[in-house]
């Protein structure tokens, strides 16, 4: 298998607000595979479902591990509205899984074998910047596109100051 080409110094081509969801799980008891395995399988099924329908709004993802117990996915979304729409759509996988978990919790059937968590952020334009050195598109750049660093500025302060044409039109 060939490595993806590297492009020197690049940055993400994101325009406007950036929506980031961190979502993950922590294995509290390794022996309870029947519990944490289901959580992990559900996450992979949701990602496959989203990959089949890009109009749902997931732009990119990075799967990571924080320890042998903790796994998470950094997700980049088109908008918070699309993130909410997916989470609440009864025909999509997330909704029934979340309803089942809530029901088990109310019934006292959650045994603490696996922890789940998420954090969601809407980062306004001008409040994020990215730099990649000799990297293929990754993270924010994989989700929004990758451009040569010079397009957004050599220094972090320049990249933070970058405004999309849409944002520039609002202020000017």
N, C-alpha and C. Protein backbone atom coordinates (compact mmCIF):
# COMPACT_ATOMS: atom_id res chain seq x y z
N UNK A 1 0.84 -1.18 0.00
CA UNK A 1 0.00 0.00 0.00
C UNK A 1 0.89 1.23 0.00
N UNK A 2 0.52 2.21 -0.79
CA UNK A 2 1.32 3.42 -0.91
C UNK A 2 0.86 4.47 0.08
N UNK A 3 1.80 5.23 0.58
CA UNK A 3 1.47 6.32 1.51
C UNK A 3 0.86 7.48 0.74
N UNK A 4 -0.04 8.21 1.41
CA UNK A 4 -0.61 9.40 0.79
C UNK A 4 0.48 10.45 0.64
N UNK A 5 0.42 11.25 -0.42
CA UNK A 5 1.45 12.27 -0.59
C UNK A 5 1.36 13.34 0.49
N UNK A 6 2.49 13.88 0.84
CA UNK A 6 2.53 14.98 1.79
C UNK A 6 2.72 16.27 1.00
N UNK A 7 2.28 17.35 1.56
CA UNK A 7 2.20 18.59 0.81
C UNK A 7 3.03 19.73 1.40
N UNK A 8 4.01 19.47 2.24
CA UNK A 8 4.73 20.57 2.88
C UNK A 8 3.89 21.14 4.00
N UNK A 9 3.91 22.46 4.14
CA UNK A 9 3.14 23.11 5.21
C UNK A 9 1.78 23.53 4.66
N UNK A 10 0.72 23.03 5.32
CA UNK A 10 -0.64 23.31 4.88
C UNK A 10 -1.50 23.72 6.06
N UNK A 11 -2.72 24.11 5.74
CA UNK A 11 -3.70 24.45 6.76
C UNK A 11 -5.07 23.98 6.28
N UNK A 12 -6.05 24.02 7.16
CA UNK A 12 -7.42 23.63 6.81
C UNK A 12 -8.10 24.76 6.05
N UNK A 13 -8.93 24.37 5.11
CA UNK A 13 -9.65 25.33 4.28
C UNK A 13 -11.03 25.66 4.84
N UNK A 14 -11.25 25.42 6.11
CA UNK A 14 -12.56 25.64 6.73
C UNK A 14 -12.99 27.09 6.58
N UNK A 15 -14.27 27.27 6.34
CA UNK A 15 -14.88 28.60 6.24
C UNK A 15 -16.03 28.66 7.23
N UNK A 16 -16.20 29.76 7.89
CA UNK A 16 -17.31 29.92 8.83
C UNK A 16 -17.09 29.15 10.11
N UNK A 17 -18.20 28.89 10.81
CA UNK A 17 -18.13 28.15 12.07
C UNK A 17 -17.74 26.70 11.81
N UNK A 18 -17.09 26.09 12.79
CA UNK A 18 -16.69 24.70 12.72
C UNK A 18 -17.41 23.98 13.86
N UNK A 19 -18.06 22.86 13.54
CA UNK A 19 -18.78 22.07 14.54
C UNK A 19 -17.98 20.80 14.79
N UNK A 20 -17.60 20.60 16.06
CA UNK A 20 -16.78 19.46 16.46
C UNK A 20 -17.52 18.68 17.54
N UNK A 21 -17.60 17.38 17.34
CA UNK A 21 -18.18 16.49 18.34
C UNK A 21 -17.11 15.50 18.76
N UNK A 22 -16.84 15.42 20.05
CA UNK A 22 -15.98 14.39 20.62
C UNK A 22 -16.93 13.39 21.26
N UNK A 23 -16.84 12.14 20.89
CA UNK A 23 -17.75 11.14 21.44
C UNK A 23 -16.97 9.86 21.70
N UNK A 24 -17.22 9.25 22.84
CA UNK A 24 -16.43 8.08 23.15
C UNK A 24 -16.98 7.21 24.25
N UNK A 25 -16.15 6.24 24.60
CA UNK A 25 -16.51 5.26 25.61
C UNK A 25 -15.30 4.91 26.45
N UNK A 26 -15.58 4.47 27.67
CA UNK A 26 -14.52 3.99 28.56
C UNK A 26 -14.93 2.61 29.05
N UNK A 27 -14.06 1.65 28.87
CA UNK A 27 -14.30 0.30 29.36
C UNK A 27 -13.98 0.29 30.85
N UNK A 28 -15.00 0.12 31.67
CA UNK A 28 -14.80 0.09 33.12
C UNK A 28 -14.46 -1.32 33.60
N UNK A 29 -14.98 -2.33 32.93
CA UNK A 29 -14.71 -3.73 33.27
C UNK A 29 -14.42 -4.48 31.97
N UNK A 30 -13.17 -4.85 31.76
CA UNK A 30 -12.78 -5.52 30.52
C UNK A 30 -13.55 -6.82 30.30
N UNK A 31 -13.86 -7.54 31.36
CA UNK A 31 -14.55 -8.82 31.23
C UNK A 31 -15.98 -8.67 30.73
N UNK A 32 -16.55 -7.46 30.77
CA UNK A 32 -17.95 -7.26 30.37
C UNK A 32 -18.05 -6.92 28.88
N UNK A 33 -17.46 -7.77 28.06
CA UNK A 33 -17.45 -7.54 26.61
C UNK A 33 -18.88 -7.44 26.08
N UNK A 34 -19.79 -8.18 26.66
CA UNK A 34 -21.19 -8.14 26.23
C UNK A 34 -21.80 -6.73 26.40
N UNK A 35 -21.22 -5.91 27.26
CA UNK A 35 -21.71 -4.54 27.47
C UNK A 35 -20.95 -3.55 26.60
N UNK A 36 -19.63 -3.47 26.74
CA UNK A 36 -18.88 -2.46 26.00
C UNK A 36 -18.75 -2.81 24.53
N UNK A 37 -18.79 -4.09 24.20
CA UNK A 37 -18.75 -4.49 22.79
C UNK A 37 -19.95 -3.97 22.03
N UNK A 38 -21.11 -3.97 22.68
CA UNK A 38 -22.32 -3.45 22.04
C UNK A 38 -22.22 -1.94 21.79
N UNK A 39 -21.64 -1.23 22.75
CA UNK A 39 -21.47 0.22 22.59
C UNK A 39 -20.53 0.50 21.41
N UNK A 40 -19.42 -0.22 21.36
CA UNK A 40 -18.46 -0.02 20.28
C UNK A 40 -19.08 -0.39 18.92
N UNK A 41 -19.77 -1.50 18.86
CA UNK A 41 -20.42 -1.93 17.62
C UNK A 41 -21.46 -0.90 17.16
N UNK A 42 -22.22 -0.36 18.11
CA UNK A 42 -23.22 0.66 17.76
C UNK A 42 -22.56 1.89 17.15
N UNK A 43 -21.43 2.31 17.72
CA UNK A 43 -20.74 3.48 17.17
C UNK A 43 -20.27 3.22 15.74
N UNK A 44 -19.69 2.05 15.50
CA UNK A 44 -19.24 1.74 14.14
C UNK A 44 -20.41 1.68 13.16
N UNK A 45 -21.53 1.16 13.61
CA UNK A 45 -22.73 1.10 12.74
C UNK A 45 -23.25 2.50 12.43
N UNK A 46 -23.22 3.38 13.42
CA UNK A 46 -23.66 4.76 13.19
C UNK A 46 -22.73 5.46 12.19
N UNK A 47 -21.43 5.25 12.34
CA UNK A 47 -20.48 5.86 11.40
C UNK A 47 -20.69 5.33 9.99
N UNK A 48 -20.96 4.03 9.85
CA UNK A 48 -21.22 3.45 8.53
C UNK A 48 -22.49 4.04 7.94
N UNK A 49 -23.50 4.22 8.76
CA UNK A 49 -24.77 4.81 8.32
C UNK A 49 -24.53 6.24 7.82
N UNK A 50 -23.75 7.01 8.55
CA UNK A 50 -23.46 8.39 8.15
C UNK A 50 -22.60 8.44 6.89
N UNK A 51 -21.70 7.49 6.73
CA UNK A 51 -20.85 7.46 5.53
C UNK A 51 -21.67 7.19 4.27
N UNK A 52 -22.75 6.45 4.41
CA UNK A 52 -23.62 6.14 3.27
C UNK A 52 -24.44 7.33 2.82
N UNK A 53 -24.63 8.30 3.70
CA UNK A 53 -25.48 9.45 3.39
C UNK A 53 -24.80 10.76 3.81
N UNK A 54 -23.88 11.27 2.98
CA UNK A 54 -23.16 12.50 3.33
C UNK A 54 -24.07 13.71 3.56
N UNK A 55 -25.29 13.68 3.05
CA UNK A 55 -26.20 14.81 3.26
C UNK A 55 -26.60 14.95 4.73
N UNK A 56 -26.35 13.94 5.54
CA UNK A 56 -26.63 14.02 6.98
C UNK A 56 -25.71 15.02 7.68
N UNK A 57 -24.53 15.30 7.08
CA UNK A 57 -23.71 16.38 7.62
C UNK A 57 -22.39 16.02 8.26
N UNK A 58 -22.06 14.74 8.38
CA UNK A 58 -20.74 14.38 8.93
C UNK A 58 -19.70 14.61 7.85
N UNK A 59 -18.76 15.53 8.10
CA UNK A 59 -17.75 15.89 7.11
C UNK A 59 -16.49 15.04 7.23
N UNK A 60 -16.16 14.62 8.44
CA UNK A 60 -14.94 13.84 8.65
C UNK A 60 -14.87 13.35 10.07
N UNK A 61 -13.93 12.42 10.29
CA UNK A 61 -13.78 11.85 11.63
C UNK A 61 -12.35 11.36 11.81
N UNK A 62 -11.94 11.30 13.06
CA UNK A 62 -10.65 10.73 13.44
C UNK A 62 -10.92 9.85 14.65
N UNK A 63 -10.57 8.58 14.55
CA UNK A 63 -10.74 7.66 15.68
C UNK A 63 -9.44 7.62 16.48
N UNK A 64 -9.58 7.75 17.80
CA UNK A 64 -8.42 7.84 18.69
C UNK A 64 -8.60 6.97 19.93
N UNK A 65 -7.51 6.72 20.60
CA UNK A 65 -7.56 6.06 21.89
C UNK A 65 -6.77 6.89 22.89
N UNK A 66 -7.31 7.00 24.09
CA UNK A 66 -6.64 7.74 25.14
C UNK A 66 -5.91 6.80 26.10
N UNK A 67 -6.31 5.53 26.08
CA UNK A 67 -5.72 4.51 26.94
C UNK A 67 -6.27 3.17 26.48
N UNK A 68 -5.81 2.08 27.05
CA UNK A 68 -6.41 0.80 26.67
C UNK A 68 -7.89 0.70 27.04
N UNK A 69 -8.37 1.61 27.88
CA UNK A 69 -9.77 1.61 28.29
C UNK A 69 -10.65 2.63 27.56
N UNK A 70 -10.05 3.68 27.03
CA UNK A 70 -10.84 4.82 26.53
C UNK A 70 -10.62 5.03 25.04
N UNK A 71 -11.73 5.04 24.31
CA UNK A 71 -11.71 5.22 22.86
C UNK A 71 -12.67 6.35 22.50
N UNK A 72 -12.28 7.15 21.51
CA UNK A 72 -13.17 8.22 21.12
C UNK A 72 -12.98 8.60 19.66
N UNK A 73 -13.94 9.35 19.17
CA UNK A 73 -13.93 9.79 17.79
C UNK A 73 -14.13 11.30 17.78
N UNK A 74 -13.25 11.98 17.09
CA UNK A 74 -13.42 13.40 16.83
C UNK A 74 -14.19 13.49 15.52
N UNK A 75 -15.34 14.12 15.57
CA UNK A 75 -16.17 14.26 14.37
C UNK A 75 -16.31 15.73 14.00
N UNK A 76 -16.29 16.00 12.71
CA UNK A 76 -16.48 17.35 12.19
C UNK A 76 -17.80 17.35 11.42
N UNK A 77 -18.69 18.26 11.80
CA UNK A 77 -20.03 18.31 11.23
C UNK A 77 -20.23 19.59 10.42
N UNK A 78 -21.12 19.51 9.46
CA UNK A 78 -21.46 20.65 8.61
C UNK A 78 -22.12 21.77 9.42
N UNK A 79 -22.97 21.39 10.37
CA UNK A 79 -23.65 22.39 11.22
C UNK A 79 -24.18 21.70 12.47
N UNK A 80 -24.45 22.49 13.50
CA UNK A 80 -25.04 21.91 14.70
C UNK A 80 -26.45 21.43 14.42
N UNK A 81 -27.14 22.08 13.48
CA UNK A 81 -28.49 21.66 13.13
C UNK A 81 -28.48 20.24 12.54
N UNK A 82 -27.50 19.95 11.69
CA UNK A 82 -27.42 18.61 11.11
C UNK A 82 -27.01 17.58 12.16
N UNK A 83 -26.15 17.95 13.08
CA UNK A 83 -25.78 17.06 14.18
C UNK A 83 -27.02 16.74 15.01
N UNK A 84 -27.79 17.74 15.41
CA UNK A 84 -29.01 17.53 16.19
C UNK A 84 -30.01 16.70 15.40
N UNK A 85 -30.17 17.00 14.12
CA UNK A 85 -31.13 16.27 13.28
C UNK A 85 -30.79 14.78 13.25
N UNK A 86 -29.51 14.46 13.09
CA UNK A 86 -29.13 13.05 13.09
C UNK A 86 -29.43 12.41 14.44
N UNK A 87 -29.04 13.07 15.52
CA UNK A 87 -29.22 12.51 16.86
C UNK A 87 -30.69 12.23 17.17
N UNK A 88 -31.60 13.03 16.63
CA UNK A 88 -33.03 12.91 16.95
C UNK A 88 -33.85 12.19 15.89
N UNK A 89 -33.26 11.81 14.77
CA UNK A 89 -34.02 11.17 13.69
C UNK A 89 -34.41 9.74 14.09
N UNK A 90 -35.69 9.47 14.24
CA UNK A 90 -36.11 8.14 14.70
C UNK A 90 -35.74 7.01 13.74
N UNK A 91 -35.55 7.33 12.46
CA UNK A 91 -35.21 6.29 11.49
C UNK A 91 -33.71 5.97 11.45
N UNK A 92 -32.90 6.75 12.15
CA UNK A 92 -31.46 6.53 12.16
C UNK A 92 -31.05 5.76 13.42
N UNK A 93 -29.88 5.16 13.41
CA UNK A 93 -29.43 4.26 14.48
C UNK A 93 -29.28 4.94 15.86
N UNK A 94 -28.86 6.20 15.89
CA UNK A 94 -28.58 6.83 17.18
C UNK A 94 -29.82 6.89 18.07
N UNK A 95 -30.93 7.28 17.50
CA UNK A 95 -32.14 7.51 18.29
C UNK A 95 -32.59 6.27 19.07
N UNK A 96 -32.75 5.11 18.44
CA UNK A 96 -33.19 3.95 19.22
C UNK A 96 -32.13 3.45 20.22
N UNK A 97 -30.86 3.59 19.88
CA UNK A 97 -29.80 3.18 20.82
C UNK A 97 -29.84 4.06 22.06
N UNK A 98 -29.98 5.37 21.84
CA UNK A 98 -30.03 6.30 22.96
C UNK A 98 -31.28 6.05 23.82
N UNK A 99 -32.42 5.78 23.16
CA UNK A 99 -33.66 5.49 23.89
C UNK A 99 -33.51 4.23 24.74
N UNK A 100 -32.86 3.20 24.19
CA UNK A 100 -32.63 1.95 24.92
C UNK A 100 -31.75 2.19 26.14
N UNK A 101 -30.68 2.95 25.96
CA UNK A 101 -29.80 3.24 27.08
C UNK A 101 -30.53 4.02 28.18
N UNK A 102 -31.32 5.01 27.78
CA UNK A 102 -32.08 5.78 28.77
C UNK A 102 -33.08 4.90 29.52
N UNK A 103 -33.73 3.99 28.79
CA UNK A 103 -34.69 3.09 29.42
C UNK A 103 -33.97 2.17 30.42
N UNK A 104 -32.83 1.61 30.04
CA UNK A 104 -32.07 0.74 30.95
C UNK A 104 -31.63 1.51 32.19
N UNK A 105 -31.23 2.75 32.00
CA UNK A 105 -30.80 3.56 33.13
C UNK A 105 -31.97 3.81 34.09
N UNK A 106 -33.14 4.17 33.56
CA UNK A 106 -34.33 4.40 34.41
C UNK A 106 -34.72 3.14 35.17
N UNK A 107 -34.54 1.98 34.55
CA UNK A 107 -34.91 0.71 35.17
C UNK A 107 -33.83 0.17 36.11
N UNK A 108 -32.72 0.89 36.23
CA UNK A 108 -31.64 0.46 37.10
C UNK A 108 -30.84 -0.71 36.54
N UNK A 109 -30.87 -0.89 35.24
CA UNK A 109 -30.18 -2.03 34.61
C UNK A 109 -28.81 -1.67 34.05
N UNK A 110 -28.38 -0.43 34.23
CA UNK A 110 -27.03 -0.04 33.80
C UNK A 110 -26.09 -0.44 34.93
N UNK A 111 -25.11 -1.26 34.63
CA UNK A 111 -24.25 -1.84 35.65
C UNK A 111 -22.90 -1.15 35.79
N UNK A 112 -22.63 -0.12 35.01
CA UNK A 112 -21.36 0.58 35.14
C UNK A 112 -20.20 -0.11 34.46
N UNK A 113 -20.48 -1.05 33.56
CA UNK A 113 -19.42 -1.77 32.87
C UNK A 113 -18.73 -0.92 31.80
N UNK A 114 -19.48 0.04 31.26
CA UNK A 114 -18.94 0.89 30.21
C UNK A 114 -19.45 2.32 30.43
N UNK A 115 -18.55 3.27 30.30
CA UNK A 115 -18.93 4.68 30.39
C UNK A 115 -19.03 5.25 28.98
N UNK A 116 -19.94 6.17 28.80
CA UNK A 116 -20.07 6.85 27.50
C UNK A 116 -20.06 8.35 27.75
N UNK A 117 -19.62 9.09 26.76
CA UNK A 117 -19.53 10.54 26.92
C UNK A 117 -19.52 11.21 25.55
N UNK A 118 -19.87 12.47 25.55
CA UNK A 118 -19.65 13.30 24.36
C UNK A 118 -19.52 14.76 24.79
N UNK A 119 -18.83 15.51 23.95
CA UNK A 119 -18.71 16.96 24.09
C UNK A 119 -18.91 17.53 22.71
N UNK A 120 -19.71 18.57 22.59
CA UNK A 120 -19.96 19.20 21.29
C UNK A 120 -19.54 20.67 21.37
N UNK A 121 -18.91 21.14 20.31
CA UNK A 121 -18.43 22.52 20.26
C UNK A 121 -18.80 23.15 18.93
N UNK A 122 -19.28 24.37 18.97
CA UNK A 122 -19.43 25.19 17.77
C UNK A 122 -18.37 26.28 17.90
N UNK A 123 -17.38 26.22 17.03
CA UNK A 123 -16.24 27.12 17.12
C UNK A 123 -16.41 28.21 16.06
N UNK A 124 -16.61 29.45 16.47
CA UNK A 124 -16.84 30.53 15.51
C UNK A 124 -15.61 30.80 14.64
N UNK A 125 -15.87 31.24 13.43
CA UNK A 125 -14.77 31.62 12.55
C UNK A 125 -13.92 32.67 13.26
N UNK A 126 -12.61 32.53 13.13
CA UNK A 126 -11.69 33.41 13.82
C UNK A 126 -11.23 32.87 15.17
N UNK A 127 -11.81 31.72 15.56
CA UNK A 127 -11.46 31.12 16.85
C UNK A 127 -10.79 29.76 16.69
N UNK A 128 -10.37 29.45 15.48
CA UNK A 128 -9.64 28.21 15.24
C UNK A 128 -8.58 28.46 14.18
N UNK A 129 -7.55 27.64 14.21
CA UNK A 129 -6.53 27.66 13.17
C UNK A 129 -5.87 26.30 13.17
N UNK A 130 -5.23 25.97 12.08
CA UNK A 130 -4.61 24.65 11.97
C UNK A 130 -3.34 24.76 11.13
N UNK A 131 -2.39 23.91 11.45
CA UNK A 131 -1.18 23.81 10.63
C UNK A 131 -0.77 22.34 10.57
N UNK A 132 -0.37 21.92 9.39
CA UNK A 132 0.07 20.56 9.16
C UNK A 132 1.40 20.63 8.42
N UNK A 133 2.41 19.94 8.93
CA UNK A 133 3.71 19.90 8.28
C UNK A 133 3.97 18.51 7.72
N UNK A 134 4.09 18.43 6.40
CA UNK A 134 4.35 17.16 5.73
C UNK A 134 3.32 16.10 6.11
N UNK A 135 2.06 16.49 6.12
CA UNK A 135 0.96 15.59 6.47
C UNK A 135 -0.05 15.55 5.34
N UNK A 136 -0.60 14.37 5.09
CA UNK A 136 -1.78 14.34 4.21
C UNK A 136 -2.94 14.99 4.97
N UNK A 137 -4.03 15.23 4.28
CA UNK A 137 -5.20 15.85 4.92
C UNK A 137 -5.58 15.03 6.16
N UNK A 138 -5.72 15.70 7.30
CA UNK A 138 -5.99 15.06 8.58
C UNK A 138 -6.89 15.97 9.40
N UNK A 139 -7.77 15.39 10.19
CA UNK A 139 -8.59 16.18 11.11
C UNK A 139 -9.42 17.22 10.41
N UNK A 140 -9.28 18.46 10.84
CA UNK A 140 -10.04 19.57 10.27
C UNK A 140 -9.80 19.71 8.77
N UNK A 141 -8.56 19.50 8.33
CA UNK A 141 -8.23 19.60 6.90
C UNK A 141 -8.87 18.47 6.10
N UNK A 142 -8.98 17.28 6.68
CA UNK A 142 -9.64 16.18 5.98
C UNK A 142 -11.13 16.45 5.86
N UNK A 143 -11.71 17.12 6.83
CA UNK A 143 -13.14 17.41 6.83
C UNK A 143 -13.50 18.58 5.92
N UNK A 144 -12.64 19.60 5.88
CA UNK A 144 -12.98 20.84 5.17
C UNK A 144 -12.11 21.13 3.96
N UNK A 145 -11.10 20.35 3.74
CA UNK A 145 -10.16 20.61 2.65
C UNK A 145 -8.85 21.15 3.19
N UNK A 146 -7.82 21.01 2.36
CA UNK A 146 -6.46 21.37 2.76
C UNK A 146 -5.89 22.33 1.72
N UNK A 147 -5.28 23.40 2.18
CA UNK A 147 -4.69 24.39 1.28
C UNK A 147 -3.27 24.72 1.73
N UNK A 148 -2.46 25.21 0.82
CA UNK A 148 -1.12 25.65 1.23
C UNK A 148 -1.21 26.70 2.33
N UNK A 149 -0.29 26.66 3.24
CA UNK A 149 -0.29 27.55 4.39
C UNK A 149 -0.37 29.02 3.98
N UNK A 150 0.33 29.38 2.92
CA UNK A 150 0.38 30.79 2.49
C UNK A 150 -1.01 31.37 2.20
N UNK A 151 -1.98 30.52 1.85
CA UNK A 151 -3.33 31.01 1.55
C UNK A 151 -4.02 31.61 2.77
N UNK A 152 -3.63 31.13 3.96
CA UNK A 152 -4.27 31.60 5.18
C UNK A 152 -3.32 32.39 6.07
N UNK A 153 -2.05 32.40 5.74
CA UNK A 153 -1.10 33.16 6.53
C UNK A 153 -0.04 32.28 7.15
N UNK A 154 1.15 32.80 7.20
CA UNK A 154 2.29 32.04 7.71
C UNK A 154 2.23 31.85 9.21
N UNK A 155 1.66 32.81 9.91
CA UNK A 155 1.63 32.78 11.37
C UNK A 155 0.22 32.46 11.88
N UNK A 156 0.15 31.89 13.07
CA UNK A 156 -1.13 31.55 13.68
C UNK A 156 -2.05 32.77 13.75
N UNK A 157 -1.50 33.93 14.12
CA UNK A 157 -2.33 35.13 14.23
C UNK A 157 -2.98 35.48 12.90
N UNK A 158 -2.28 35.21 11.79
CA UNK A 158 -2.85 35.47 10.46
C UNK A 158 -3.97 34.48 10.15
N UNK A 159 -3.77 33.22 10.51
CA UNK A 159 -4.80 32.21 10.24
C UNK A 159 -6.03 32.45 11.11
N UNK A 160 -5.83 32.88 12.36
CA UNK A 160 -6.97 33.25 13.20
C UNK A 160 -7.72 34.44 12.61
N UNK A 161 -7.01 35.35 12.01
CA UNK A 161 -7.62 36.57 11.45
C UNK A 161 -8.32 36.33 10.12
N UNK A 162 -8.07 35.18 9.47
CA UNK A 162 -8.70 34.90 8.17
C UNK A 162 -10.22 34.92 8.30
N UNK A 163 -10.87 35.55 7.35
CA UNK A 163 -12.34 35.58 7.30
C UNK A 163 -12.78 35.11 5.92
N UNK A 164 -13.83 34.29 5.91
CA UNK A 164 -14.39 33.85 4.64
C UNK A 164 -15.06 35.02 3.95
N UNK A 165 -15.31 34.88 2.67
CA UNK A 165 -15.98 35.95 1.92
C UNK A 165 -17.36 36.21 2.51
N UNK A 166 -18.03 35.16 2.94
CA UNK A 166 -19.36 35.29 3.55
C UNK A 166 -19.29 36.13 4.82
N UNK A 167 -18.32 35.83 5.70
CA UNK A 167 -18.17 36.57 6.94
C UNK A 167 -17.73 38.01 6.67
N UNK A 168 -16.84 38.17 5.70
CA UNK A 168 -16.35 39.52 5.37
C UNK A 168 -17.50 40.39 4.86
N UNK A 169 -18.43 39.79 4.13
CA UNK A 169 -19.59 40.52 3.63
C UNK A 169 -20.52 40.97 4.74
N UNK A 170 -20.59 40.18 5.82
CA UNK A 170 -21.45 40.53 6.95
C UNK A 170 -20.92 41.73 7.70
N UNK A 171 -19.59 41.82 7.81
CA UNK A 171 -19.01 42.87 8.62
C UNK A 171 -18.73 44.12 7.82
N UNK A 172 -18.64 44.02 6.52
CA UNK A 172 -18.26 45.17 5.70
C UNK A 172 -19.38 45.73 5.03
